[in-house]
C-alpha atoms as a PDB file:
ATOM      1  CA  MET A   1      72.048 105.163 117.704  1.00  0.00           C
ATOM      2  CA  ALA A   2      73.567 104.216 114.353  1.00  0.00           C
ATOM      3  CA  ASP A   3      77.269 104.797 113.835  1.00  0.00           C
ATOM      4  CA  ASP A   4      77.613 107.949 111.733  1.00  0.00           C
ATOM      5  CA  VAL A   5      81.331 107.416 111.105  1.00  0.00           C
ATOM      6  CA  PHE A   6      81.623 106.128 107.564  1.00  0.00           C
ATOM      7  CA  THR A   7      83.685 106.875 104.500  1.00  0.00           C
ATOM      8  CA  ARG A   8      82.604 109.790 102.383  1.00  0.00           C
ATOM      9  CA  PHE A   9      84.038 110.897  99.049  1.00  0.00           C
ATOM     10  CA  HIS A  10      84.690 114.627  99.384  1.00  0.00           C
ATOM     11  CA  VAL A  11      85.019 116.542  96.103  1.00  0.00           C
ATOM     12  CA  ARG A  12      86.729 119.857  95.496  1.00  0.00           C
ATOM     13  CA  TYR A  13      88.202 121.420  92.383  1.00  0.00           C
ATOM     14  CA  TYR A  14      91.485 122.940  91.340  1.00  0.00           C
ATOM     15  CA  ASP A  15      92.000 125.085  88.265  1.00  0.00           C
ATOM     16  CA  SER A  16      95.376 124.215  86.800  1.00  0.00           C
ATOM     17  CA  ARG A  17      96.847 126.622  84.263  1.00  0.00           C
ATOM     18  CA  ARG A  18      98.320 123.725  82.330  1.00  0.00           C
ATOM     19  CA  ALA A  19      95.765 120.930  82.748  1.00  0.00           C
ATOM     20  CA  GLY A  20      92.471 122.754  83.266  1.00  0.00           C
ATOM     21  CA  ARG A  21      89.871 122.037  85.923  1.00  0.00           C
ATOM     22  CA  LEU A  22      90.711 119.014  88.086  1.00  0.00           C
ATOM     23  CA  ALA A  23      88.504 117.134  90.530  1.00  0.00           C
ATOM     24  CA  LEU A  24      90.278 116.367  93.806  1.00  0.00           C
ATOM     25  CA  VAL A  25      88.528 113.548  95.677  1.00  0.00           C
ATOM     26  CA  THR A  26      89.424 112.565  99.234  1.00  0.00           C
ATOM     27  CA  MET A  27      88.176 109.408 100.940  1.00  0.00           C
ATOM     28  CA  ASP A  28      87.703 110.241 104.609  1.00  0.00           C
ATOM     29  CA  ASN A  29      85.543 108.970 107.464  1.00  0.00           C
ATOM     30  CA  GLY A  30      86.118 112.035 109.628  1.00  0.00           C
ATOM     31  CA  ALA A  31      88.066 110.110 112.283  1.00  0.00           C
ATOM     32  CA  ASP A  32      91.814 110.078 112.895  1.00  0.00           C
ATOM     33  CA  HIS A  33      94.223 107.396 111.678  1.00  0.00           C
ATOM     34  CA  THR A  34      93.391 105.091 114.590  1.00  0.00           C
ATOM     35  CA  ARG A  35      90.030 104.471 112.915  1.00  0.00           C
ATOM     36  CA  PRO A  36      90.990 103.644 109.324  1.00  0.00           C
ATOM     37  CA  THR A  37      88.845 104.501 106.331  1.00  0.00           C
ATOM     38  CA  VAL A  38      86.889 101.472 105.109  1.00  0.00           C
ATOM     39  CA  PHE A  39      84.203 100.707 102.539  1.00  0.00           C
ATOM     40  CA  ASP A  40      80.603  99.731 103.179  1.00  0.00           C
ATOM     41  CA  GLN A  41      77.363 100.317 101.271  1.00  0.00           C
ATOM     42  CA  ARG A  42      77.210 103.919 102.494  1.00  0.00           C
ATOM     43  CA  ALA A  43      80.709 104.583 101.207  1.00  0.00           C
ATOM     44  CA  LEU A  44      79.845 103.134  97.813  1.00  0.00           C
ATOM     45  CA  ALA A  45      76.725 105.317  97.699  1.00  0.00           C
ATOM     46  CA  SER A  46      78.894 108.341  98.517  1.00  0.00           C
ATOM     47  CA  LEU A  47      81.225 107.451  95.637  1.00  0.00           C
ATOM     48  CA  GLY A  48      78.207 107.270  93.355  1.00  0.00           C
ATOM     49  CA  ASP A  49      77.087 110.720  94.504  1.00  0.00           C
ATOM     50  CA  ALA A  50      80.590 112.119  93.937  1.00  0.00           C
ATOM     51  CA  LEU A  51      80.672 110.708  90.417  1.00  0.00           C
ATOM     52  CA  ASP A  52      77.231 112.178  89.720  1.00  0.00           C
ATOM     53  CA  GLU A  53      78.545 115.611  90.678  1.00  0.00           C
ATOM     54  CA  ILE A  54      81.790 115.319  88.711  1.00  0.00           C
ATOM     55  CA  GLU A  55      80.094 113.966  85.588  1.00  0.00           C
ATOM     56  CA  GLY A  56      77.631 116.843  85.752  1.00  0.00           C
ATOM     57  CA  GLN A  57      80.344 119.501  85.608  1.00  0.00           C
ATOM     58  CA  GLY A  58      81.169 119.134  81.931  1.00  0.00           C
ATOM     59  CA  ASP A  59      84.567 120.852  82.112  1.00  0.00           C
ATOM     60  CA  VAL A  60      86.580 118.508  84.339  1.00  0.00           C
ATOM     61  CA  LYS A  61      89.843 117.437  82.695  1.00  0.00           C
ATOM     62  CA  GLY A  62      91.174 115.009  85.280  1.00  0.00           C
ATOM     63  CA  LEU A  63      90.603 113.413  88.686  1.00  0.00           C
ATOM     64  CA  LEU A  64      92.932 112.805  91.615  1.00  0.00           C
ATOM     65  CA  LEU A  65      91.810 110.270  94.241  1.00  0.00           C
ATOM     66  CA  THR A  66      93.506 110.019  97.627  1.00  0.00           C
ATOM     67  CA  GLY A  67      92.862 109.272 101.281  1.00  0.00           C
ATOM     68  CA  LYS A  68      93.089 110.972 104.637  1.00  0.00           C
ATOM     69  CA  PRO A  69      96.517 111.179 106.347  1.00  0.00           C
ATOM     70  CA  PHE A  70      98.178 107.759 106.758  1.00  0.00           C
ATOM     71  CA  VAL A  71      95.266 105.889 105.138  1.00  0.00           C
ATOM     72  CA  PHE A  72      94.217 105.440 101.518  1.00  0.00           C
ATOM     73  CA  VAL A  73      91.538 102.803 102.219  1.00  0.00           C
ATOM     74  CA  ALA A  74      91.912  99.851 104.592  1.00  0.00           C
ATOM     75  CA  GLY A  75      89.458  97.581 102.770  1.00  0.00           C
ATOM     76  CA  ALA A  76      85.890  96.577 103.505  1.00  0.00           C
ATOM     77  CA  ASP A  77      84.144  97.167 106.810  1.00  0.00           C
ATOM     78  CA  LEU A  78      84.242  93.621 108.171  1.00  0.00           C
ATOM     79  CA  THR A  79      81.754  94.444 110.915  1.00  0.00           C
ATOM     80  CA  ARG A  80      79.117  94.537 108.159  1.00  0.00           C
ATOM     81  CA  PHE A  81      79.840  90.897 107.269  1.00  0.00           C
ATOM     82  CA  GLU A  82      78.363  89.463 110.451  1.00  0.00           C
ATOM     83  CA  GLY A  83      75.357  87.362 109.509  1.00  0.00           C
ATOM     84  CA  ALA A  84      75.951  87.963 105.796  1.00  0.00           C
ATOM     85  CA  ASP A  85      74.180  85.599 103.428  1.00  0.00           C
ATOM     86  CA  GLU A  86      74.382  84.915  99.698  1.00  0.00           C
ATOM     87  CA  ALA A  87      71.984  87.740  98.852  1.00  0.00           C
ATOM     88  CA  PHE A  88      74.123  90.212 100.819  1.00  0.00           C
ATOM     89  CA  ALA A  89      77.278  89.035  99.056  1.00  0.00           C
ATOM     90  CA  ARG A  90      75.716  89.296  95.597  1.00  0.00           C
ATOM     91  CA  GLU A  91      74.406  92.792  96.276  1.00  0.00           C
ATOM     92  CA  ALA A  92      77.744  93.963  97.708  1.00  0.00           C
ATOM     93  CA  VAL A  93      79.604  92.647  94.662  1.00  0.00           C
ATOM     94  CA  ARG A  94      77.115  94.142  92.222  1.00  0.00           C
ATOM     95  CA  THR A  95      77.156  97.562  93.882  1.00  0.00           C
ATOM     96  CA  GLY A  96      80.932  97.730  94.202  1.00  0.00           C
ATOM     97  CA  GLN A  97      81.603  96.590  90.663  1.00  0.00           C
ATOM     98  CA  GLY A  98      79.036  99.008  89.274  1.00  0.00           C
ATOM     99  CA  VAL A  99      80.332 102.142  90.952  1.00  0.00           C
ATOM    100  CA  PHE A 100      84.008 101.248  90.418  1.00  0.00           C
ATOM    101  CA  ARG A 101      83.233 100.662  86.742  1.00  0.00           C
ATOM    102  CA  ARG A 102      81.851 104.178  86.532  1.00  0.00           C
ATOM    103  CA  LEU A 103      85.133 105.538  87.904  1.00  0.00           C
ATOM    104  CA  ARG A 104      87.101 103.518  85.365  1.00  0.00           C
ATOM    105  CA  ALA A 105      84.914 104.762  82.510  1.00  0.00           C
ATOM    106  CA  LEU A 106      85.385 108.482  83.167  1.00  0.00           C
ATOM    107  CA  PRO A 107      86.342 110.234  79.906  1.00  0.00           C
ATOM    108  CA  PHE A 108      89.452 111.923  81.336  1.00  0.00           C
ATOM    109  CA  PRO A 109      92.619 110.752  83.127  1.00  0.00           C
ATOM    110  CA  THR A 110      92.283 109.491  86.700  1.00  0.00           C
ATOM    111  CA  VAL A 111      95.118 109.217  89.216  1.00  0.00           C
ATOM    112  CA  ALA A 112      95.103 107.298  92.498  1.00  0.00           C
ATOM    113  CA  ALA A 113      97.572 108.931  94.889  1.00  0.00           C
ATOM    114  CA  ILE A 114      98.186 106.145  97.408  1.00  0.00           C
ATOM    115  CA  ASN A 115      99.290 107.903 100.560  1.00  0.00           C
ATOM    116  CA  GLY A 116      98.862 105.263 103.279  1.00  0.00           C
ATOM    117  CA  ALA A 117      97.351 101.876 104.078  1.00  0.00           C
ATOM    118  CA  CYS A 118      95.894 100.417 100.879  1.00  0.00           C
ATOM    119  CA  LEU A 119      94.144  97.106 101.404  1.00  0.00           C
ATOM    120  CA  GLY A 120      91.500  95.050  99.644  1.00  0.00           C
ATOM    121  CA  GLY A 121      88.906  97.359  98.139  1.00  0.00           C
ATOM    122  CA  GLY A 122      91.360 100.229  98.533  1.00  0.00           C
ATOM    123  CA  LEU A 123      93.804  98.546  96.171  1.00  0.00           C
ATOM    124  CA  GLU A 124      90.939  97.645  93.849  1.00  0.00           C
ATOM    125  CA  ILE A 125      89.709 101.231  93.532  1.00  0.00           C
ATOM    126  CA  ALA A 126      93.291 102.337  92.881  1.00  0.00           C
ATOM    127  CA  LEU A 127      93.585  99.759  90.096  1.00  0.00           C
ATOM    128  CA  HIS A 128      90.459 101.197  88.475  1.00  0.00           C
ATOM    129  CA  CYS A 129      92.311 104.499  88.009  1.00  0.00           C
ATOM    130  CA  ASP A 130      94.459 105.080  84.935  1.00  0.00           C
ATOM    131  CA  VAL A 131      97.617 105.872  86.899  1.00  0.00           C
ATOM    132  CA  ARG A 132      98.792 105.174  90.442  1.00  0.00           C
ATOM    133  CA  THR A 133     101.374 107.096  92.435  1.00  0.00           C
ATOM    134  CA  LEU A 134     102.699 105.650  95.662  1.00  0.00           C
ATOM    135  CA  SER A 135     104.260 107.469  98.597  1.00  0.00           C
ATOM    136  CA  ARG A 136     107.354 105.748 100.000  1.00  0.00           C
ATOM    137  CA  SER A 137     105.720 105.977 103.414  1.00  0.00           C
ATOM    138  CA  ALA A 138     102.519 104.258 102.274  1.00  0.00           C
ATOM    139  CA  GLY A 139     101.546 100.799 103.413  1.00  0.00           C
ATOM    140  CA  PRO A 140     100.700  98.135 104.110  1.00  0.00           C
ATOM    141  CA  ILE A 141      99.527  97.254 100.597  1.00  0.00           C
ATOM    142  CA  ALA A 142      97.779  93.951  99.974  1.00  0.00           C
ATOM    143  CA  PHE A 143      94.737  91.895  99.063  1.00  0.00           C
ATOM    144  CA  PRO A 144      94.107  90.225 102.460  1.00  0.00           C
ATOM    145  CA  GLU A 145      90.688  88.840 101.443  1.00  0.00           C
ATOM    146  CA  VAL A 146      91.799  85.293 100.605  1.00  0.00           C
ATOM    147  CA  PHE A 147      93.189  84.955 104.143  1.00  0.00           C
ATOM    148  CA  LEU A 148      89.576  85.502 105.246  1.00  0.00           C
ATOM    149  CA  SER A 149      88.168  83.174 102.548  1.00  0.00           C
ATOM    150  CA  ILE A 150      86.852  86.131 100.510  1.00  0.00           C
ATOM    151  CA  LEU A 151      87.741  86.911  96.884  1.00  0.00           C
ATOM    152  CA  PRO A 152      88.659  90.479  95.849  1.00  0.00           C
ATOM    153  CA  ALA A 153      85.467  90.764  93.824  1.00  0.00           C
ATOM    154  CA  TRP A 154      85.484  94.474  92.859  1.00  0.00           C
ATOM    155  CA  GLY A 155      87.938  94.005  90.023  1.00  0.00           C
ATOM    156  CA  GLY A 156      91.068  92.802  91.787  1.00  0.00           C
ATOM    157  CA  THR A 157      91.095  89.379  90.165  1.00  0.00           C
ATOM    158  CA  GLN A 158      90.518  90.867  86.706  1.00  0.00           C
ATOM    159  CA  ILE A 159      92.524  94.106  86.656  1.00  0.00           C
ATOM    160  CA  ALA A 160      95.583  93.081  88.691  1.00  0.00           C
ATOM    161  CA  PRO A 161      96.684  90.447  86.128  1.00  0.00           C
ATOM    162  CA  ARG A 162      96.333  93.015  83.339  1.00  0.00           C
ATOM    163  CA  VAL A 163      98.476  95.508  85.250  1.00  0.00           C
ATOM    164  CA  ILE A 164     101.215  93.288  86.709  1.00  0.00           C
ATOM    165  CA  GLY A 165     100.793  89.966  84.894  1.00  0.00           C
ATOM    166  CA  ALA A 166      99.125  86.747  85.999  1.00  0.00           C
ATOM    167  CA  GLN A 167     102.067  85.298  87.961  1.00  0.00           C
ATOM    168  CA  ARG A 168     102.610  88.428  90.043  1.00  0.00           C
ATOM    169  CA  ALA A 169      98.875  88.846  90.562  1.00  0.00           C
ATOM    170  CA  LEU A 170      98.648  85.301  91.932  1.00  0.00           C
ATOM    171  CA  GLN A 171     101.509  86.105  94.281  1.00  0.00           C
ATOM    172  CA  VAL A 172      99.798  89.241  95.595  1.00  0.00           C
ATOM    173  CA  ILE A 173      96.232  87.937  95.712  1.00  0.00           C
ATOM    174  CA  VAL A 174      96.686  84.301  96.723  1.00  0.00           C
ATOM    175  CA  HIS A 175     100.174  83.294  97.855  1.00  0.00           C
ATOM    176  CA  ASN A 176     100.866  86.321 100.059  1.00  0.00           C
ATOM    177  CA  ALA A 177      97.458  86.080 101.687  1.00  0.00           C
ATOM    178  CA  LEU A 178      97.932  82.383 102.463  1.00  0.00           C
ATOM    179  CA  ASP A 179     101.468  83.023 103.751  1.00  0.00           C
ATOM    180  CA  ASN A 180     100.283  84.413 107.101  1.00  0.00           C
ATOM    181  CA  ASN A 181      98.686  87.326 105.227  1.00  0.00           C
ATOM    182  CA  ARG A 182     101.969  88.805 104.059  1.00  0.00           C
ATOM    183  CA  MET A 183     101.668  92.456 103.018  1.00  0.00           C
ATOM    184  CA  LEU A 184     103.789  94.714 100.844  1.00  0.00           C
ATOM    185  CA  ARG A 185     105.768  97.808 101.635  1.00  0.00           C
ATOM    186  CA  ALA A 186     105.657 100.704  99.201  1.00  0.00           C
ATOM    187  CA  LEU A 187     108.909  99.874  97.416  1.00  0.00           C
ATOM    188  CA  GLN A 188     107.897  96.222  96.992  1.00  0.00           C
ATOM    189  CA  ALA A 189     104.513  97.220  95.563  1.00  0.00           C
ATOM    190  CA  PHE A 190     106.174  99.637  93.151  1.00  0.00           C
ATOM    191  CA  GLU A 191     108.702  97.039  92.001  1.00  0.00           C
ATOM    192  CA  LEU A 192     105.836  94.622  91.325  1.00  0.00           C
ATOM    193  CA  GLY A 193     104.223  97.251  89.096  1.00  0.00           C
ATOM    194  CA  LEU A 194     101.209  98.098  91.246  1.00  0.00           C
ATOM    195  CA  ALA A 195     102.121 101.796  90.973  1.00  0.00           C
ATOM    196  CA  ASP A 196     103.471 103.866  88.101  1.00  0.00           C
ATOM    197  CA  GLU A 197     105.548 106.274  90.175  1.00  0.00           C
ATOM    198  CA  LEU A 198     107.145 106.144  93.624  1.00  0.00           C
ATOM    199  CA  LEU A 199     107.197 109.520  95.386  1.00  0.00           C
ATOM    200  CA  GLU A 200     108.883 110.856  98.464  1.00  0.00           C
ATOM    201  CA  PRO A 201     106.456 111.317 101.381  1.00  0.00           C
ATOM    202  CA  VAL A 202     104.631 114.601 100.812  1.00  0.00           C
ATOM    203  CA  ASP A 203     101.222 116.147 101.285  1.00  0.00           C
ATOM    204  CA  VAL A 204      99.401 114.991  98.148  1.00  0.00           C
ATOM    205  CA  PHE A 205      97.703 118.293  97.409  1.00  0.00           C
ATOM    206  CA  GLU A 206     100.908 120.261  97.902  1.00  0.00           C
END
């Protein structure tokens, strides 16, 4: 039987007196923190479906993206890489870039509320948002792909230098990964500029 535990993008709405109608999107695979949220083709399809719904509303004024408790997104589902060939890699890159680009192009402000582990594709989707907040309890935060001989191909190599500068981006993407896959704590990530605001640990929706 196929594994039915995969990341879904759950959408709900909040009517703010000051800001208007907001889309609240949670990335969750339905399991507890011992089985982290990861991305595969099904997750990317779910993001596409969520964007279809949000874009069809017409009155949404902003979007907040976050993860389940203790996990924002822990990267790609590496179990799906077994036996991968060039065609698989090209399709995965094309699909991820396409759906992340749609998130980036939304005509209203988007906020990534990083509340836990934020790795690889998780950091990339956060970088596609206009603003990033970071809980002090969040982490680890990193691009571990290069350690596995994989490039962060969903925008990490393009957007990270724009956000934090080329030298810092090389440190995060390449040097840290090749230094025994060194990862960042929340304060370090904030000081590098990967987030716009550092918050005390709190329930995001509260």
